[in-house]
Amino acid sequence: MGVLVVSGTGTEIGKTAVTAAVAAAALAAGRSVAVLKPAQTGVAPGEPGDVAEVERLAGPVTGAELARYPEPLAPDTAARRAGMPFVSPAAVAEAAAKLAAEHDLVLVEGAGGLLVRFDAEGGTLADAARLLGAPVLVVAPAGLGTLNSCALTAEALAARGLATPGVVIGSWPAEPDLAMRCNLADLPSVSGVPLLGAVPQGAPGLDPAVFRGAAGSWLAPALDGTWDAADFMARWAA
């Protein structure tokens, strides 16, 4: 896949950590990688954003941002309140396509969920994925409530004719509770796609060299890793 869109079922669920892990695994496999953040919110000029975090953790990727807004809000709201230009899905698609011409893999990391709005016309990350013809990797939390959000995201993708390779759990704790362990079996059922990995809780706090060395063990072969869903489920079976 030349372009892979990374979307969460919500915010603050490990989407940037998953993006960094996918980038690190691809780099380890000898592929060139670019990371595009269409709209970075809640970060002041000069401060490191999500792209910088991916670069720090994954290594030598090409990073790009299209817009940065100071308040931690949905991109369209943040742009409107700041009096700054919106980012359109067409602009996202154009930027990703240009990066794809020079890289083996382009990761487009969204802001929050799939249908968070970018502009006044209601354009979303899903619209950018449709323009690109790109699959959407879904990042989900481990715990209670994730089944509903994953099911809704899967329905939204299907309704728009968008493909998804699967779901990655953005933060898997060392001591998962009952709901988390049950969700391992239930997530593929409700989403209709396989589990493709689980990034350990606290992974962004690891030394970058350790993060890069371990990233492949958190992701399935479809994402250049060695993670095995059956083995993982058997280990944590409820």
C-alpha atoms as a PDB file:
ATOM      1  CA  MET A   1       0.000   0.000   0.000  1.00  0.00           C
ATOM      2  CA  GLY A   2       1.456   3.328  -1.073  1.00  0.00           C
ATOM      3  CA  VAL A   3      -0.739   5.405   1.237  1.00  0.00           C
ATOM      4  CA  LEU A   4      -2.244   4.226   4.512  1.00  0.00           C
ATOM      5  CA  VAL A   5      -4.631   6.475   6.422  1.00  0.00           C
ATOM      6  CA  VAL A   6      -4.506   6.054  10.211  1.00  0.00           C
ATOM      7  CA  SER A   7      -7.726   6.946  12.022  1.00  0.00           C
ATOM      8  CA  GLY A   8      -8.813   6.479  15.598  1.00  0.00           C
ATOM      9  CA  THR A   9     -12.214   5.643  16.959  1.00  0.00           C
ATOM     10  CA  GLY A  10     -11.708   8.701  19.174  1.00  0.00           C
ATOM     11  CA  THR A  11      -8.971  10.903  20.558  1.00  0.00           C
ATOM     12  CA  GLU A  12      -6.100  10.177  22.958  1.00  0.00           C
ATOM     13  CA  ILE A  13      -6.173   6.441  22.278  1.00  0.00           C
ATOM     14  CA  GLY A  14      -2.653   5.837  20.956  1.00  0.00           C
ATOM     15  CA  LYS A  15      -3.004   6.807  17.306  1.00  0.00           C
ATOM     16  CA  THR A  16       0.377   8.543  17.131  1.00  0.00           C
ATOM     17  CA  ALA A  17       2.092   5.611  18.865  1.00  0.00           C
ATOM     18  CA  VAL A  18       0.572   3.225  16.325  1.00  0.00           C
ATOM     19  CA  THR A  19       1.612   5.491  13.451  1.00  0.00           C
ATOM     20  CA  ALA A  20       5.156   5.528  14.829  1.00  0.00           C
ATOM     21  CA  ALA A  21       5.191   1.747  15.228  1.00  0.00           C
ATOM     22  CA  VAL A  22       3.968   1.200  11.652  1.00  0.00           C
ATOM     23  CA  ALA A  23       6.602   3.640  10.413  1.00  0.00           C
ATOM     24  CA  ALA A  24       9.355   1.951  12.422  1.00  0.00           C
ATOM     25  CA  ALA A  25       8.395  -1.508  11.173  1.00  0.00           C
ATOM     26  CA  ALA A  26       8.312  -0.299   7.574  1.00  0.00           C
ATOM     27  CA  LEU A  27      11.724   1.339   7.948  1.00  0.00           C
ATOM     28  CA  ALA A  28      13.118  -1.877   9.415  1.00  0.00           C
ATOM     29  CA  ALA A  29      11.779  -3.696   6.359  1.00  0.00           C
ATOM     30  CA  GLY A  30      13.803  -1.371   4.146  1.00  0.00           C
ATOM     31  CA  ARG A  31      10.983   0.882   3.003  1.00  0.00           C
ATOM     32  CA  SER A  32      11.077   4.672   2.774  1.00  0.00           C
ATOM     33  CA  VAL A  33       8.364   6.339   4.832  1.00  0.00           C
ATOM     34  CA  ALA A  34       6.636   9.718   4.976  1.00  0.00           C
ATOM     35  CA  VAL A  35       4.199  10.830   7.672  1.00  0.00           C
ATOM     36  CA  LEU A  36       1.568  13.465   6.903  1.00  0.00           C
ATOM     37  CA  LYS A  37      -0.489  15.228   9.578  1.00  0.00           C
ATOM     38  CA  PRO A  38      -3.191  17.216   7.785  1.00  0.00           C
ATOM     39  CA  ALA A  39      -4.229  19.255  10.813  1.00  0.00           C
ATOM     40  CA  GLN A  40      -2.322  19.514  14.076  1.00  0.00           C
ATOM     41  CA  THR A  41      -4.396  21.081  16.832  1.00  0.00           C
ATOM     42  CA  GLY A  42      -3.587  22.193  20.357  1.00  0.00           C
ATOM     43  CA  VAL A  43       0.089  22.857  19.677  1.00  0.00           C
ATOM     44  CA  ALA A  44       1.707  26.284  19.537  1.00  0.00           C
ATOM     45  CA  PRO A  45       4.090  27.355  16.751  1.00  0.00           C
ATOM     46  CA  GLY A  46       7.534  25.891  17.334  1.00  0.00           C
ATOM     47  CA  GLU A  47       6.320  23.171  19.701  1.00  0.00           C
ATOM     48  CA  PRO A  48       6.714  19.514  18.675  1.00  0.00           C
ATOM     49  CA  GLY A  49       3.533  17.944  17.355  1.00  0.00           C
ATOM     50  CA  ASP A  50       2.520  14.438  16.355  1.00  0.00           C
ATOM     51  CA  VAL A  51       4.828  14.353  13.334  1.00  0.00           C
ATOM     52  CA  ALA A  52       7.812  15.220  15.519  1.00  0.00           C
ATOM     53  CA  GLU A  53       6.809  12.456  17.922  1.00  0.00           C
ATOM     54  CA  VAL A  54       6.701   9.921  15.089  1.00  0.00           C
ATOM     55  CA  GLU A  55      10.093  11.117  13.873  1.00  0.00           C
ATOM     56  CA  ARG A  56      11.521  10.818  17.398  1.00  0.00           C
ATOM     57  CA  LEU A  57      10.222   7.296  17.934  1.00  0.00           C
ATOM     58  CA  ALA A  58      10.417   5.754  14.466  1.00  0.00           C
ATOM     59  CA  GLY A  59      13.566   7.258  13.031  1.00  0.00           C
ATOM     60  CA  PRO A  60      14.289   8.839   9.633  1.00  0.00           C
ATOM     61  CA  VAL A  61      10.868   9.518   8.148  1.00  0.00           C
ATOM     62  CA  THR A  62       9.842  12.493   6.035  1.00  0.00           C
ATOM     63  CA  GLY A  63       7.407  14.534   8.100  1.00  0.00           C
ATOM     64  CA  ALA A  64       4.831  17.039   6.859  1.00  0.00           C
ATOM     65  CA  GLU A  65       2.060  19.154   8.373  1.00  0.00           C
ATOM     66  CA  LEU A  66      -0.521  21.057   6.343  1.00  0.00           C
ATOM     67  CA  ALA A  67      -1.930  23.245   9.107  1.00  0.00           C
ATOM     68  CA  ARG A  68      -1.444  23.925  12.792  1.00  0.00           C
ATOM     69  CA  TYR A  69      -4.070  25.442  15.059  1.00  0.00           C
ATOM     70  CA  PRO A  70      -3.450  26.579  18.650  1.00  0.00           C
ATOM     71  CA  GLU A  71      -6.568  25.254  20.395  1.00  0.00           C
ATOM     72  CA  PRO A  72      -7.148  21.504  21.064  1.00  0.00           C
ATOM     73  CA  LEU A  73     -10.391  21.283  19.101  1.00  0.00           C
ATOM     74  CA  ALA A  74     -11.712  19.646  15.940  1.00  0.00           C
ATOM     75  CA  PRO A  75      -9.776  21.073  12.967  1.00  0.00           C
ATOM     76  CA  ASP A  76     -12.696  23.020  11.479  1.00  0.00           C
ATOM     77  CA  THR A  77     -13.586  24.555  14.862  1.00  0.00           C
ATOM     78  CA  ALA A  78      -9.957  25.310  15.673  1.00  0.00           C
ATOM     79  CA  ALA A  79      -9.412  26.954  12.282  1.00  0.00           C
ATOM     80  CA  ARG A  80     -12.569  29.045  12.534  1.00  0.00           C
ATOM     81  CA  ARG A  81     -11.774  30.254  16.047  1.00  0.00           C
ATOM     82  CA  ALA A  82      -8.202  31.129  15.074  1.00  0.00           C
ATOM     83  CA  GLY A  83      -9.275  32.900  11.887  1.00  0.00           C
ATOM     84  CA  MET A  84      -7.000  30.614   9.897  1.00  0.00           C
ATOM     85  CA  PRO A  85      -7.575  28.764   6.595  1.00  0.00           C
ATOM     86  CA  PHE A  86      -9.231  25.364   6.655  1.00  0.00           C
ATOM     87  CA  VAL A  87      -7.598  22.197   5.347  1.00  0.00           C
ATOM     88  CA  SER A  88      -9.645  20.509   2.633  1.00  0.00           C
ATOM     89  CA  PRO A  89      -9.720  16.780   1.853  1.00  0.00           C
ATOM     90  CA  ALA A  90      -8.494  17.652  -1.633  1.00  0.00           C
ATOM     91  CA  ALA A  91      -5.424  19.356  -0.179  1.00  0.00           C
ATOM     92  CA  VAL A  92      -4.751  16.310   2.003  1.00  0.00           C
ATOM     93  CA  ALA A  93      -5.051  13.978  -0.973  1.00  0.00           C
ATOM     94  CA  GLU A  94      -2.782  16.157  -3.105  1.00  0.00           C
ATOM     95  CA  ALA A  95      -0.086  16.334  -0.434  1.00  0.00           C
ATOM     96  CA  ALA A  96      -0.218  12.582   0.226  1.00  0.00           C
ATOM     97  CA  ALA A  97      -0.026  11.792  -3.483  1.00  0.00           C
ATOM     98  CA  LYS A  98       3.071  13.970  -3.866  1.00  0.00           C
ATOM     99  CA  LEU A  99       4.754  12.215  -0.944  1.00  0.00           C
ATOM    100  CA  ALA A 100       3.756   8.814  -2.353  1.00  0.00           C
ATOM    101  CA  ALA A 101       5.602   9.600  -5.567  1.00  0.00           C
ATOM    102  CA  GLU A 102       8.849   9.694  -3.587  1.00  0.00           C
ATOM    103  CA  HIS A 103       8.254   7.172  -0.766  1.00  0.00           C
ATOM    104  CA  ASP A 104       7.297   3.529  -0.463  1.00  0.00           C
ATOM    105  CA  LEU A 105       4.764   4.269   2.273  1.00  0.00           C
ATOM    106  CA  VAL A 106       2.896   7.413   3.276  1.00  0.00           C
ATOM    107  CA  LEU A 107       1.073   7.401   6.610  1.00  0.00           C
ATOM    108  CA  VAL A 108      -1.693   9.998   6.901  1.00  0.00           C
ATOM    109  CA  GLU A 109      -2.530  10.468  10.570  1.00  0.00           C
ATOM    110  CA  GLY A 110      -5.944  11.975  11.201  1.00  0.00           C
ATOM    111  CA  ALA A 111      -7.189  14.089  14.076  1.00  0.00           C
ATOM    112  CA  GLY A 112      -9.490  12.148  16.374  1.00  0.00           C
ATOM    113  CA  GLY A 113     -12.018   9.963  14.576  1.00  0.00           C
ATOM    114  CA  LEU A 114     -12.854   9.258  10.960  1.00  0.00           C
ATOM    115  CA  LEU A 115     -15.615  11.861  10.594  1.00  0.00           C
ATOM    116  CA  VAL A 116     -14.066  14.775  12.470  1.00  0.00           C
ATOM    117  CA  ARG A 117     -14.482  17.785  10.189  1.00  0.00           C
ATOM    118  CA  PHE A 118     -11.625  19.585   8.472  1.00  0.00           C
ATOM    119  CA  ASP A 119     -13.500  22.450   6.822  1.00  0.00           C
ATOM    120  CA  ALA A 120     -16.727  24.435   6.619  1.00  0.00           C
ATOM    121  CA  GLU A 121     -18.095  22.121   3.926  1.00  0.00           C
ATOM    122  CA  GLY A 122     -17.932  19.140   6.262  1.00  0.00           C
ATOM    123  CA  GLY A 123     -14.929  17.479   4.629  1.00  0.00           C
ATOM    124  CA  THR A 124     -13.399  14.669   6.666  1.00  0.00           C
ATOM    125  CA  LEU A 125     -10.496  12.244   6.769  1.00  0.00           C
ATOM    126  CA  ALA A 126     -12.823   9.719   5.139  1.00  0.00           C
ATOM    127  CA  ASP A 127     -13.202  12.066   2.165  1.00  0.00           C
ATOM    128  CA  ALA A 128      -9.432  12.360   1.848  1.00  0.00           C
ATOM    129  CA  ALA A 129      -9.090   8.560   1.948  1.00  0.00           C
ATOM    130  CA  ARG A 130     -11.749   8.242  -0.761  1.00  0.00           C
ATOM    131  CA  LEU A 131      -9.946  10.733  -3.014  1.00  0.00           C
ATOM    132  CA  LEU A 132      -6.707   8.803  -2.519  1.00  0.00           C
ATOM    133  CA  GLY A 133      -8.299   5.368  -2.865  1.00  0.00           C
ATOM    134  CA  ALA A 134      -6.370   4.533   0.298  1.00  0.00           C
ATOM    135  CA  PRO A 135      -7.179   1.978   3.007  1.00  0.00           C
ATOM    136  CA  VAL A 136      -7.869   3.162   6.550  1.00  0.00           C
ATOM    137  CA  LEU A 137      -6.165   1.515   9.530  1.00  0.00           C
ATOM    138  CA  VAL A 138      -8.395   1.812  12.610  1.00  0.00           C
ATOM    139  CA  VAL A 139      -6.811   2.470  16.002  1.00  0.00           C
ATOM    140  CA  ALA A 140      -9.000   1.591  18.972  1.00  0.00           C
ATOM    141  CA  PRO A 141      -8.734   1.627  22.752  1.00  0.00           C
ATOM    142  CA  ALA A 142      -8.676  -1.666  24.605  1.00  0.00           C
ATOM    143  CA  GLY A 143     -11.393  -1.192  27.185  1.00  0.00           C
ATOM    144  CA  LEU A 144     -15.095  -0.938  27.788  1.00  0.00           C
ATOM    145  CA  GLY A 145     -16.949   1.007  25.077  1.00  0.00           C
ATOM    146  CA  THR A 146     -14.557   0.186  22.264  1.00  0.00           C
ATOM    147  CA  LEU A 147     -16.882  -2.362  20.623  1.00  0.00           C
ATOM    148  CA  ASN A 148     -19.511   0.255  19.865  1.00  0.00           C
ATOM    149  CA  SER A 149     -17.035   2.829  18.556  1.00  0.00           C
ATOM    150  CA  CYS A 150     -15.343   0.215  16.368  1.00  0.00           C
ATOM    151  CA  ALA A 151     -18.667  -0.987  14.991  1.00  0.00           C
ATOM    152  CA  LEU A 152     -19.690   2.586  14.158  1.00  0.00           C
ATOM    153  CA  THR A 153     -16.354   3.283  12.467  1.00  0.00           C
ATOM    154  CA  ALA A 154     -16.607   0.065  10.452  1.00  0.00           C
ATOM    155  CA  GLU A 155     -20.108   1.009   9.302  1.00  0.00           C
ATOM    156  CA  ALA A 156     -18.944   4.490   8.313  1.00  0.00           C
ATOM    157  CA  LEU A 157     -16.083   3.015   6.287  1.00  0.00           C
ATOM    158  CA  ALA A 158     -18.320   0.485   4.563  1.00  0.00           C
ATOM    159  CA  ALA A 159     -20.947   3.109   3.743  1.00  0.00           C
ATOM    160  CA  ARG A 160     -18.274   5.117   1.925  1.00  0.00           C
ATOM    161  CA  GLY A 161     -16.753   2.156   0.136  1.00  0.00           C
ATOM    162  CA  LEU A 162     -13.487   2.481   2.037  1.00  0.00           C
ATOM    163  CA  ALA A 163     -11.302  -0.530   2.749  1.00  0.00           C
ATOM    164  CA  THR A 164      -9.575  -1.227   6.033  1.00  0.00           C
ATOM    165  CA  PRO A 165      -6.830  -3.796   6.645  1.00  0.00           C
ATOM    166  CA  GLY A 166      -7.822  -4.100  10.298  1.00  0.00           C
ATOM    167  CA  VAL A 167      -7.727  -2.722  13.817  1.00  0.00           C
ATOM    168  CA  VAL A 168      -4.749  -2.034  16.074  1.00  0.00           C
ATOM    169  CA  ILE A 169      -5.179  -1.551  19.812  1.00  0.00           C
ATOM    170  CA  GLY A 170      -3.428   1.701  20.622  1.00  0.00           C
ATOM    171  CA  SER A 171      -2.538   1.025  24.263  1.00  0.00           C
ATOM    172  CA  TRP A 172      -2.537  -2.466  25.765  1.00  0.00           C
ATOM    173  CA  PRO A 173      -1.865  -2.528  29.535  1.00  0.00           C
ATOM    174  CA  ALA A 174       0.345  -4.976  31.370  1.00  0.00           C
ATOM    175  CA  GLU A 175      -2.653  -6.079  33.442  1.00  0.00           C
ATOM    176  CA  PRO A 176      -5.756  -5.935  31.235  1.00  0.00           C
ATOM    177  CA  ASP A 177      -9.171  -6.147  32.875  1.00  0.00           C
ATOM    178  CA  LEU A 178     -11.951  -8.552  31.926  1.00  0.00           C
ATOM    179  CA  ALA A 179     -13.536  -6.241  29.347  1.00  0.00           C
ATOM    180  CA  MET A 180     -10.208  -5.740  27.609  1.00  0.00           C
ATOM    181  CA  ARG A 181      -9.532  -9.470  27.420  1.00  0.00           C
ATOM    182  CA  CYS A 182     -13.027 -10.187  26.111  1.00  0.00           C
ATOM    183  CA  ASN A 183     -12.645  -7.425  23.516  1.00  0.00           C
ATOM    184  CA  LEU A 184      -9.774  -9.271  21.868  1.00  0.00           C
ATOM    185  CA  ALA A 185     -12.227 -11.860  20.572  1.00  0.00           C
ATOM    186  CA  ASP A 186     -15.118  -9.452  20.064  1.00  0.00           C
ATOM    187  CA  LEU A 187     -13.380  -6.647  18.165  1.00  0.00           C
ATOM    188  CA  PRO A 188     -12.880  -8.647  14.949  1.00  0.00           C
ATOM    189  CA  SER A 189     -16.492  -9.791  15.140  1.00  0.00           C
ATOM    190  CA  VAL A 190     -18.043  -6.339  15.507  1.00  0.00           C
ATOM    191  CA  SER A 191     -15.687  -4.631  13.054  1.00  0.00           C
ATOM    192  CA  GLY A 192     -15.594  -7.381  10.436  1.00  0.00           C
ATOM    193  CA  VAL A 193     -11.808  -7.026  10.071  1.00  0.00           C
ATOM    194  CA  PRO A 194      -8.860  -8.661  11.838  1.00  0.00           C
ATOM    195  CA  LEU A 195      -6.827  -7.438  14.758  1.00  0.00           C
ATOM    196  CA  LEU A 196      -3.452  -6.369  13.398  1.00  0.00           C
ATOM    197  CA  GLY A 197      -1.613  -5.568  16.584  1.00  0.00           C
ATOM    198  CA  ALA A 198      -1.488  -4.136  20.063  1.00  0.00           C
ATOM    199  CA  VAL A 199       0.954  -1.433  21.136  1.00  0.00           C
ATOM    200  CA  PRO A 200       1.892  -1.717  24.814  1.00  0.00           C
ATOM    201  CA  GLN A 201       0.767   0.985  27.186  1.00  0.00           C
ATOM    202  CA  GLY A 202       3.631   3.372  27.787  1.00  0.00           C
ATOM    203  CA  ALA A 203       5.441   2.509  24.564  1.00  0.00           C
ATOM    204  CA  PRO A 204       6.030   6.181  23.645  1.00  0.00           C
ATOM    205  CA  GLY A 205       8.025   6.515  26.871  1.00  0.00           C
ATOM    206  CA  LEU A 206      10.548   3.911  25.781  1.00  0.00           C
ATOM    207  CA  ASP A 207      13.980   4.875  24.551  1.00  0.00           C
ATOM    208  CA  PRO A 208      13.552   5.427  20.788  1.00  0.00           C
ATOM    209  CA  ALA A 209      16.049   2.687  19.955  1.00  0.00           C
ATOM    210  CA  VAL A 210      14.080   0.238  22.103  1.00  0.00           C
ATOM    211  CA  PHE A 211      10.809   1.393  20.531  1.00  0.00           C
ATOM    212  CA  ARG A 212      12.160   0.816  17.020  1.00  0.00           C
ATOM    213  CA  GLY A 213      13.533  -2.587  17.909  1.00  0.00           C
ATOM    214  CA  ALA A 214      10.243  -3.739  19.411  1.00  0.00           C
ATOM    215  CA  ALA A 215       7.757  -2.124  17.018  1.00  0.00           C
ATOM    216  CA  GLY A 216       7.569  -5.106  14.697  1.00  0.00           C
ATOM    217  CA  SER A 217       6.621  -7.411  17.561  1.00  0.00           C
ATOM    218  CA  TRP A 218       3.511  -5.280  18.178  1.00  0.00           C
ATOM    219  CA  LEU A 219       2.208  -5.473  14.599  1.00  0.00           C
ATOM    220  CA  ALA A 220       0.985  -8.252  12.334  1.00  0.00           C
ATOM    221  CA  PRO A 221       2.778  -9.256   9.106  1.00  0.00           C
ATOM    222  CA  ALA A 222       0.341  -7.123   7.095  1.00  0.00           C
ATOM    223  CA  LEU A 223       2.035  -4.139   8.788  1.00  0.00           C
ATOM    224  CA  ASP A 224       5.602  -5.464   8.418  1.00  0.00           C
ATOM    225  CA  GLY A 225       5.580  -7.066  11.857  1.00  0.00           C
ATOM    226  CA  THR A 226       5.623 -10.493  13.497  1.00  0.00           C
ATOM    227  CA  TRP A 227       2.707 -10.150  15.956  1.00  0.00           C
ATOM    228  CA  ASP A 228       0.371 -13.143  15.920  1.00  0.00           C
ATOM    229  CA  ALA A 229      -3.258 -12.500  16.827  1.00  0.00           C
ATOM    230  CA  ALA A 230      -4.012 -16.113  17.741  1.00  0.00           C
ATOM    231  CA  ASP A 231      -1.062 -16.330  20.125  1.00  0.00           C
ATOM    232  CA  PHE A 232      -1.927 -12.976  21.693  1.00  0.00           C
ATOM    233  CA  MET A 233      -5.579 -13.948  22.202  1.00  0.00           C
ATOM    234  CA  ALA A 234      -4.608 -17.301  23.674  1.00  0.00           C
ATOM    235  CA  ARG A 235      -2.323 -15.568  26.167  1.00  0.00           C
ATOM    236  CA  TRP A 236      -5.024 -13.194  27.336  1.00  0.00           C
ATOM    237  CA  ALA A 237      -8.142 -15.352  26.892  1.00  0.00           C
ATOM    238  CA  ALA A 238     -10.918 -14.373  29.299  1.00  0.00           C
END
